[in-house]
């Protein structure tokens, strides 16, 4: 199907749900990834409101479920031998929710709550956003194998943030979170008084390095 013909499908404005009619099965699977990320975010919020640890564990679990749907959408598209122009855009937006916003909020929830911590976590989300935008814009330029699949990722793919979620899960199990034993390695005060805007957790540096790795142009991660 040509790009022009595909675009005409989305010009149909007859009916309130004309957009939905153009969804493929793979697109619906991709949306489930976004659903999982959204549930993680709301579960984190409920934990902050209630301090019920079950909500925190729920929030930690949903990004993993999102990864399952992120893996399945491509499989479904190949099985159905159909794809849509919305597919890649939906995939990136869902990934940003599940593997960008949700992990950053989880880090805030478990204890990275200082002013500088939130600056770093905001940078983490924005680097994930930039990484996804770059992928969409340059995917056609990345070398591919005989099957047409890209050989490597430029920078860490954003689903790699699940490794950070795994670390946060371990800390939660050990009680190394705010309100219990506290975040490991403590804080450092870069300026001003302890507890002021110049204080940050050492762990935030790790999140900052991860963010930089996502937007790195020279870091090439082989695609499995």
C-alpha atoms as a PDB file:
ATOM      1  CA  UNK A   1       0.000   0.000   0.000  1.00  0.00           C
ATOM      2  CA  UNK A   2       1.436   3.381  -1.007  1.00  0.00           C
ATOM      3  CA  UNK A   3       1.948   6.131   1.532  1.00  0.00           C
ATOM      4  CA  UNK A   4      -0.534   8.345  -0.313  1.00  0.00           C
ATOM      5  CA  UNK A   5      -3.214   5.658  -0.223  1.00  0.00           C
ATOM      6  CA  UNK A   6      -2.564   5.038   3.459  1.00  0.00           C
ATOM      7  CA  UNK A   7      -2.897   8.726   4.240  1.00  0.00           C
ATOM      8  CA  UNK A   8      -6.257   8.892   2.501  1.00  0.00           C
ATOM      9  CA  UNK A   9      -7.604   6.351   4.996  1.00  0.00           C
ATOM     10  CA  UNK A  10      -7.180   8.927   7.745  1.00  0.00           C
ATOM     11  CA  UNK A  11      -8.878  11.686   5.776  1.00  0.00           C
ATOM     12  CA  UNK A  12     -12.220   9.976   6.258  1.00  0.00           C
ATOM     13  CA  UNK A  13     -14.095  12.220   8.673  1.00  0.00           C
ATOM     14  CA  UNK A  14     -17.464  10.532   8.397  1.00  0.00           C
ATOM     15  CA  UNK A  15     -18.570   9.329  11.796  1.00  0.00           C
ATOM     16  CA  UNK A  16     -17.225  10.072  15.255  1.00  0.00           C
ATOM     17  CA  UNK A  17     -15.048   6.944  15.352  1.00  0.00           C
ATOM     18  CA  UNK A  18     -13.588   6.933  11.855  1.00  0.00           C
ATOM     19  CA  UNK A  19     -10.082   6.818  13.343  1.00  0.00           C
ATOM     20  CA  UNK A  20     -10.841   3.629  15.257  1.00  0.00           C
ATOM     21  CA  UNK A  21     -11.980   1.879  12.083  1.00  0.00           C
ATOM     22  CA  UNK A  22      -8.459   2.236  10.713  1.00  0.00           C
ATOM     23  CA  UNK A  23      -6.849   0.492  13.682  1.00  0.00           C
ATOM     24  CA  UNK A  24      -5.187  -2.847  13.028  1.00  0.00           C
ATOM     25  CA  UNK A  25      -5.041  -5.624  15.614  1.00  0.00           C
ATOM     26  CA  UNK A  26      -1.367  -4.820  16.210  1.00  0.00           C
ATOM     27  CA  UNK A  27      -2.318  -1.201  16.956  1.00  0.00           C
ATOM     28  CA  UNK A  28      -4.701  -2.348  19.680  1.00  0.00           C
ATOM     29  CA  UNK A  29      -1.944  -4.473  21.203  1.00  0.00           C
ATOM     30  CA  UNK A  30       0.319  -1.412  21.176  1.00  0.00           C
ATOM     31  CA  UNK A  31      -2.348   0.639  22.936  1.00  0.00           C
ATOM     32  CA  UNK A  32      -2.406  -1.998  25.687  1.00  0.00           C
ATOM     33  CA  UNK A  33       1.232  -1.111  26.305  1.00  0.00           C
ATOM     34  CA  UNK A  34       0.120   2.462  26.951  1.00  0.00           C
ATOM     35  CA  UNK A  35      -2.684   1.190  29.180  1.00  0.00           C
ATOM     36  CA  UNK A  36      -0.152  -0.673  31.325  1.00  0.00           C
ATOM     37  CA  UNK A  37       2.007   2.429  31.646  1.00  0.00           C
ATOM     38  CA  UNK A  38      -1.007   4.519  32.620  1.00  0.00           C
ATOM     39  CA  UNK A  39      -2.071   2.022  35.282  1.00  0.00           C
ATOM     40  CA  UNK A  40       1.466   2.106  36.672  1.00  0.00           C
ATOM     41  CA  UNK A  41       1.300   5.893  36.951  1.00  0.00           C
ATOM     42  CA  UNK A  42      -2.070   5.857  38.707  1.00  0.00           C
ATOM     43  CA  UNK A  43      -0.954   3.057  41.040  1.00  0.00           C
ATOM     44  CA  UNK A  44       2.084   5.152  41.992  1.00  0.00           C
ATOM     45  CA  UNK A  45      -0.231   8.062  42.755  1.00  0.00           C
ATOM     46  CA  UNK A  46      -2.445   5.840  44.891  1.00  0.00           C
ATOM     47  CA  UNK A  47       0.608   4.698  46.844  1.00  0.00           C
ATOM     48  CA  UNK A  48       1.542   8.313  47.551  1.00  0.00           C
ATOM     49  CA  UNK A  49      -2.009   8.981  48.764  1.00  0.00           C
ATOM     50  CA  UNK A  50      -2.485   5.849  50.872  1.00  0.00           C
ATOM     51  CA  UNK A  51       1.026   4.555  51.645  1.00  0.00           C
ATOM     52  CA  UNK A  52      -0.337   1.089  50.842  1.00  0.00           C
ATOM     53  CA  UNK A  53       2.652  -0.945  49.645  1.00  0.00           C
ATOM     54  CA  UNK A  54       0.413  -3.112  47.456  1.00  0.00           C
ATOM     55  CA  UNK A  55      -0.145  -0.121  45.167  1.00  0.00           C
ATOM     56  CA  UNK A  56       3.613   0.330  44.837  1.00  0.00           C
ATOM     57  CA  UNK A  57       4.094  -3.305  43.853  1.00  0.00           C
ATOM     58  CA  UNK A  58       1.288  -2.942  41.331  1.00  0.00           C
ATOM     59  CA  UNK A  59       2.979   0.144  39.891  1.00  0.00           C
ATOM     60  CA  UNK A  60       6.278  -1.741  39.635  1.00  0.00           C
ATOM     61  CA  UNK A  61       4.615  -4.657  37.839  1.00  0.00           C
ATOM     62  CA  UNK A  62       2.739  -2.845  35.076  1.00  0.00           C
ATOM     63  CA  UNK A  63       5.802  -1.701  33.056  1.00  0.00           C
ATOM     64  CA  UNK A  64       6.784  -5.363  32.708  1.00  0.00           C
ATOM     65  CA  UNK A  65       3.319  -6.124  31.354  1.00  0.00           C
ATOM     66  CA  UNK A  66       3.795  -3.199  28.986  1.00  0.00           C
ATOM     67  CA  UNK A  67       6.996  -4.794  27.690  1.00  0.00           C
ATOM     68  CA  UNK A  68       5.047  -7.946  26.885  1.00  0.00           C
ATOM     69  CA  UNK A  69       2.612  -5.976  24.720  1.00  0.00           C
ATOM     70  CA  UNK A  70       5.520  -4.028  23.187  1.00  0.00           C
ATOM     71  CA  UNK A  71       7.033  -7.350  22.137  1.00  0.00           C
ATOM     72  CA  UNK A  72       3.754  -8.797  20.891  1.00  0.00           C
ATOM     73  CA  UNK A  73       2.623  -5.941  18.657  1.00  0.00           C
ATOM     74  CA  UNK A  74       5.358  -6.604  16.100  1.00  0.00           C
ATOM     75  CA  UNK A  75       4.636 -10.326  16.191  1.00  0.00           C
ATOM     76  CA  UNK A  76       0.935  -9.689  15.610  1.00  0.00           C
ATOM     77  CA  UNK A  77       1.657  -7.300  12.728  1.00  0.00           C
ATOM     78  CA  UNK A  78       3.813  -9.919  10.994  1.00  0.00           C
ATOM     79  CA  UNK A  79       1.290 -12.675  11.712  1.00  0.00           C
ATOM     80  CA  UNK A  80      -1.551 -10.616  10.265  1.00  0.00           C
ATOM     81  CA  UNK A  81       0.725  -9.314   7.499  1.00  0.00           C
ATOM     82  CA  UNK A  82      -0.664  -5.862   8.087  1.00  0.00           C
ATOM     83  CA  UNK A  83       0.652  -2.634   9.493  1.00  0.00           C
ATOM     84  CA  UNK A  84      -0.564   0.939   9.640  1.00  0.00           C
ATOM     85  CA  UNK A  85       1.023   4.355   9.550  1.00  0.00           C
ATOM     86  CA  UNK A  86      -0.259   4.836  13.071  1.00  0.00           C
ATOM     87  CA  UNK A  87       1.604   1.771  14.302  1.00  0.00           C
ATOM     88  CA  UNK A  88       5.066   3.272  14.703  1.00  0.00           C
ATOM     89  CA  UNK A  89       3.728   6.488  16.212  1.00  0.00           C
ATOM     90  CA  UNK A  90       1.522   4.588  18.653  1.00  0.00           C
ATOM     91  CA  UNK A  91       4.466   2.382  19.595  1.00  0.00           C
ATOM     92  CA  UNK A  92       6.665   5.361  20.447  1.00  0.00           C
ATOM     93  CA  UNK A  93       3.963   7.150  22.429  1.00  0.00           C
ATOM     94  CA  UNK A  94       3.101   4.005  24.386  1.00  0.00           C
ATOM     95  CA  UNK A  95       6.803   3.383  25.079  1.00  0.00           C
ATOM     96  CA  UNK A  96       7.184   6.908  26.426  1.00  0.00           C
ATOM     97  CA  UNK A  97       4.376   6.287  28.918  1.00  0.00           C
ATOM     98  CA  UNK A  98       5.419   2.800  30.040  1.00  0.00           C
ATOM     99  CA  UNK A  99       9.209   3.098  29.901  1.00  0.00           C
ATOM    100  CA  UNK A 100       9.742   6.837  30.349  1.00  0.00           C
ATOM    101  CA  UNK A 101       7.113   8.504  32.514  1.00  0.00           C
ATOM    102  CA  UNK A 102       6.153   5.474  34.632  1.00  0.00           C
ATOM    103  CA  UNK A 103       9.742   4.552  35.697  1.00  0.00           C
ATOM    104  CA  UNK A 104      10.555   8.202  36.453  1.00  0.00           C
ATOM    105  CA  UNK A 105       7.478   8.500  38.663  1.00  0.00           C
ATOM    106  CA  UNK A 106       8.382   5.215  40.364  1.00  0.00           C
ATOM    107  CA  UNK A 107      11.817   6.630  41.172  1.00  0.00           C
ATOM    108  CA  UNK A 108      10.132   9.698  42.668  1.00  0.00           C
ATOM    109  CA  UNK A 109       7.737   7.538  44.650  1.00  0.00           C
ATOM    110  CA  UNK A 110      10.440   5.370  46.233  1.00  0.00           C
ATOM    111  CA  UNK A 111      12.400   8.408  47.368  1.00  0.00           C
ATOM    112  CA  UNK A 112      14.093  10.520  44.682  1.00  0.00           C
ATOM    113  CA  UNK A 113      12.106  13.579  45.697  1.00  0.00           C
ATOM    114  CA  UNK A 114      14.549  16.452  46.107  1.00  0.00           C
ATOM    115  CA  UNK A 115      14.445  19.418  43.736  1.00  0.00           C
ATOM    116  CA  UNK A 116      17.521  18.231  41.815  1.00  0.00           C
ATOM    117  CA  UNK A 117      16.196  14.660  41.772  1.00  0.00           C
ATOM    118  CA  UNK A 118      13.107  15.857  39.936  1.00  0.00           C
ATOM    119  CA  UNK A 119      15.252  17.856  37.504  1.00  0.00           C
ATOM    120  CA  UNK A 120      17.202  14.693  36.665  1.00  0.00           C
ATOM    121  CA  UNK A 121      14.034  12.614  36.333  1.00  0.00           C
ATOM    122  CA  UNK A 122      12.518  15.242  34.049  1.00  0.00           C
ATOM    123  CA  UNK A 123      15.664  15.043  31.941  1.00  0.00           C
ATOM    124  CA  UNK A 124      15.303  11.262  31.908  1.00  0.00           C
ATOM    125  CA  UNK A 125      11.797  11.536  30.439  1.00  0.00           C
ATOM    126  CA  UNK A 126      12.847  14.147  27.886  1.00  0.00           C
ATOM    127  CA  UNK A 127      15.841  12.082  26.766  1.00  0.00           C
ATOM    128  CA  UNK A 128      13.516   9.130  26.275  1.00  0.00           C
ATOM    129  CA  UNK A 129      11.222  11.364  24.240  1.00  0.00           C
ATOM    130  CA  UNK A 130      14.122  12.610  22.103  1.00  0.00           C
ATOM    131  CA  UNK A 131      15.421   9.086  21.613  1.00  0.00           C
ATOM    132  CA  UNK A 132      12.047   7.873  20.337  1.00  0.00           C
ATOM    133  CA  UNK A 133      11.682  10.869  18.025  1.00  0.00           C
ATOM    134  CA  UNK A 134      15.152  10.259  16.582  1.00  0.00           C
ATOM    135  CA  UNK A 135      14.354   6.602  16.014  1.00  0.00           C
ATOM    136  CA  UNK A 136      11.170   7.448  14.117  1.00  0.00           C
ATOM    137  CA  UNK A 137      12.978  10.014  11.987  1.00  0.00           C
ATOM    138  CA  UNK A 138      16.062   7.924  11.161  1.00  0.00           C
ATOM    139  CA  UNK A 139      14.841   4.315  11.194  1.00  0.00           C
ATOM    140  CA  UNK A 140      14.995   4.194   7.392  1.00  0.00           C
ATOM    141  CA  UNK A 141      18.688   5.144   7.495  1.00  0.00           C
ATOM    142  CA  UNK A 142      19.845   2.497   9.977  1.00  0.00           C
ATOM    143  CA  UNK A 143      21.543  -0.527   8.313  1.00  0.00           C
ATOM    144  CA  UNK A 144      19.314  -3.593   8.085  1.00  0.00           C
ATOM    145  CA  UNK A 145      19.881  -7.323   7.692  1.00  0.00           C
ATOM    146  CA  UNK A 146      18.540  -9.537   4.909  1.00  0.00           C
ATOM    147  CA  UNK A 147      15.203  -9.854   6.711  1.00  0.00           C
ATOM    148  CA  UNK A 148      14.818  -6.075   6.742  1.00  0.00           C
ATOM    149  CA  UNK A 149      15.361  -5.720  10.495  1.00  0.00           C
ATOM    150  CA  UNK A 150      17.651  -3.053  11.924  1.00  0.00           C
ATOM    151  CA  UNK A 151      21.003  -4.440  13.052  1.00  0.00           C
ATOM    152  CA  UNK A 152      21.438  -2.236  16.105  1.00  0.00           C
ATOM    153  CA  UNK A 153      19.949   0.500  18.256  1.00  0.00           C
ATOM    154  CA  UNK A 154      21.581   3.924  18.386  1.00  0.00           C
ATOM    155  CA  UNK A 155      21.681   4.582  22.115  1.00  0.00           C
ATOM    156  CA  UNK A 156      19.941   2.516  24.750  1.00  0.00           C
ATOM    157  CA  UNK A 157      16.381   1.646  23.683  1.00  0.00           C
ATOM    158  CA  UNK A 158      13.876   3.143  26.085  1.00  0.00           C
ATOM    159  CA  UNK A 159      12.480  -0.266  27.221  1.00  0.00           C
ATOM    160  CA  UNK A 160      15.911  -0.805  28.814  1.00  0.00           C
ATOM    161  CA  UNK A 161      14.591   1.377  31.647  1.00  0.00           C
ATOM    162  CA  UNK A 162      12.968  -1.800  32.973  1.00  0.00           C
ATOM    163  CA  UNK A 163      16.403  -2.568  34.410  1.00  0.00           C
ATOM    164  CA  UNK A 164      15.944   0.520  36.583  1.00  0.00           C
ATOM    165  CA  UNK A 165      12.462  -0.661  37.537  1.00  0.00           C
ATOM    166  CA  UNK A 166      14.005  -3.998  38.571  1.00  0.00           C
ATOM    167  CA  UNK A 167      16.452  -2.137  40.823  1.00  0.00           C
ATOM    168  CA  UNK A 168      13.609  -0.133  42.351  1.00  0.00           C
ATOM    169  CA  UNK A 169      11.723  -3.387  42.927  1.00  0.00           C
ATOM    170  CA  UNK A 170      14.709  -4.841  44.782  1.00  0.00           C
ATOM    171  CA  UNK A 171      14.978  -1.737  46.932  1.00  0.00           C
ATOM    172  CA  UNK A 172      11.283  -1.968  47.722  1.00  0.00           C
ATOM    173  CA  UNK A 173      11.690  -5.586  48.774  1.00  0.00           C
ATOM    174  CA  UNK A 174      14.610  -4.638  51.027  1.00  0.00           C
ATOM    175  CA  UNK A 175      12.780  -1.641  52.461  1.00  0.00           C
ATOM    176  CA  UNK A 176      15.274   0.841  50.975  1.00  0.00           C
ATOM    177  CA  UNK A 177      12.613   3.415  50.131  1.00  0.00           C
ATOM    178  CA  UNK A 178      11.276   6.665  51.551  1.00  0.00           C
ATOM    179  CA  UNK A 179       9.372   6.114  54.792  1.00  0.00           C
ATOM    180  CA  UNK A 180      11.365   2.982  55.618  1.00  0.00           C
ATOM    181  CA  UNK A 181      15.176   2.700  55.526  1.00  0.00           C
ATOM    182  CA  UNK A 182      15.635   5.332  52.838  1.00  0.00           C
ATOM    183  CA  UNK A 183      17.359   5.356  49.452  1.00  0.00           C
ATOM    184  CA  UNK A 184      20.821   3.684  49.384  1.00  0.00           C
ATOM    185  CA  UNK A 185      23.971   5.854  49.359  1.00  0.00           C
ATOM    186  CA  UNK A 186      22.163   8.875  50.746  1.00  0.00           C
ATOM    187  CA  UNK A 187      22.394  12.419  49.422  1.00  0.00           C
ATOM    188  CA  UNK A 188      24.983  15.022  48.497  1.00  0.00           C
ATOM    189  CA  UNK A 189      24.553  18.779  48.860  1.00  0.00           C
ATOM    190  CA  UNK A 190      25.960  20.599  45.843  1.00  0.00           C
ATOM    191  CA  UNK A 191      25.186  24.073  47.203  1.00  0.00           C
ATOM    192  CA  UNK A 192      23.283  25.701  50.035  1.00  0.00           C
ATOM    193  CA  UNK A 193      22.066  23.951  53.142  1.00  0.00           C
ATOM    194  CA  UNK A 194      21.263  20.225  53.487  1.00  0.00           C
ATOM    195  CA  UNK A 195      17.625  19.691  52.616  1.00  0.00           C
ATOM    196  CA  UNK A 196      17.601  22.679  50.274  1.00  0.00           C
ATOM    197  CA  UNK A 197      17.416  22.874  46.512  1.00  0.00           C
ATOM    198  CA  UNK A 198      21.074  21.953  46.140  1.00  0.00           C
ATOM    199  CA  UNK A 199      20.617  18.482  47.634  1.00  0.00           C
ATOM    200  CA  UNK A 200      20.253  15.357  45.511  1.00  0.00           C
ATOM    201  CA  UNK A 201      20.521  11.602  45.921  1.00  0.00           C
ATOM    202  CA  UNK A 202      23.632   9.940  44.552  1.00  0.00           C
ATOM    203  CA  UNK A 203      21.390   7.460  42.773  1.00  0.00           C
ATOM    204  CA  UNK A 204      20.048  10.283  40.603  1.00  0.00           C
ATOM    205  CA  UNK A 205      23.454  10.405  38.902  1.00  0.00           C
ATOM    206  CA  UNK A 206      22.796   6.876  37.659  1.00  0.00           C
ATOM    207  CA  UNK A 207      19.456   7.950  36.187  1.00  0.00           C
ATOM    208  CA  UNK A 208      21.204  10.883  34.540  1.00  0.00           C
ATOM    209  CA  UNK A 209      23.826   8.607  32.972  1.00  0.00           C
ATOM    210  CA  UNK A 210      21.078   6.283  31.735  1.00  0.00           C
ATOM    211  CA  UNK A 211      19.314   9.237  30.145  1.00  0.00           C
ATOM    212  CA  UNK A 212      22.528  10.282  28.394  1.00  0.00           C
ATOM    213  CA  UNK A 213      23.025   6.730  27.106  1.00  0.00           C
ATOM    214  CA  UNK A 214      19.557   6.780  25.538  1.00  0.00           C
ATOM    215  CA  UNK A 215      20.375   9.788  23.373  1.00  0.00           C
ATOM    216  CA  UNK A 216      23.959   8.766  22.599  1.00  0.00           C
ATOM    217  CA  UNK A 217      24.726   8.684  18.876  1.00  0.00           C
ATOM    218  CA  UNK A 218      27.881   6.586  19.188  1.00  0.00           C
ATOM    219  CA  UNK A 219      26.547   3.902  21.543  1.00  0.00           C
ATOM    220  CA  UNK A 220      25.302   1.048  19.399  1.00  0.00           C
ATOM    221  CA  UNK A 221      23.389  -1.777  21.042  1.00  0.00           C
ATOM    222  CA  UNK A 222      23.031  -4.950  18.926  1.00  0.00           C
ATOM    223  CA  UNK A 223      19.399  -5.827  18.296  1.00  0.00           C
ATOM    224  CA  UNK A 224      18.496  -9.350  19.377  1.00  0.00           C
END
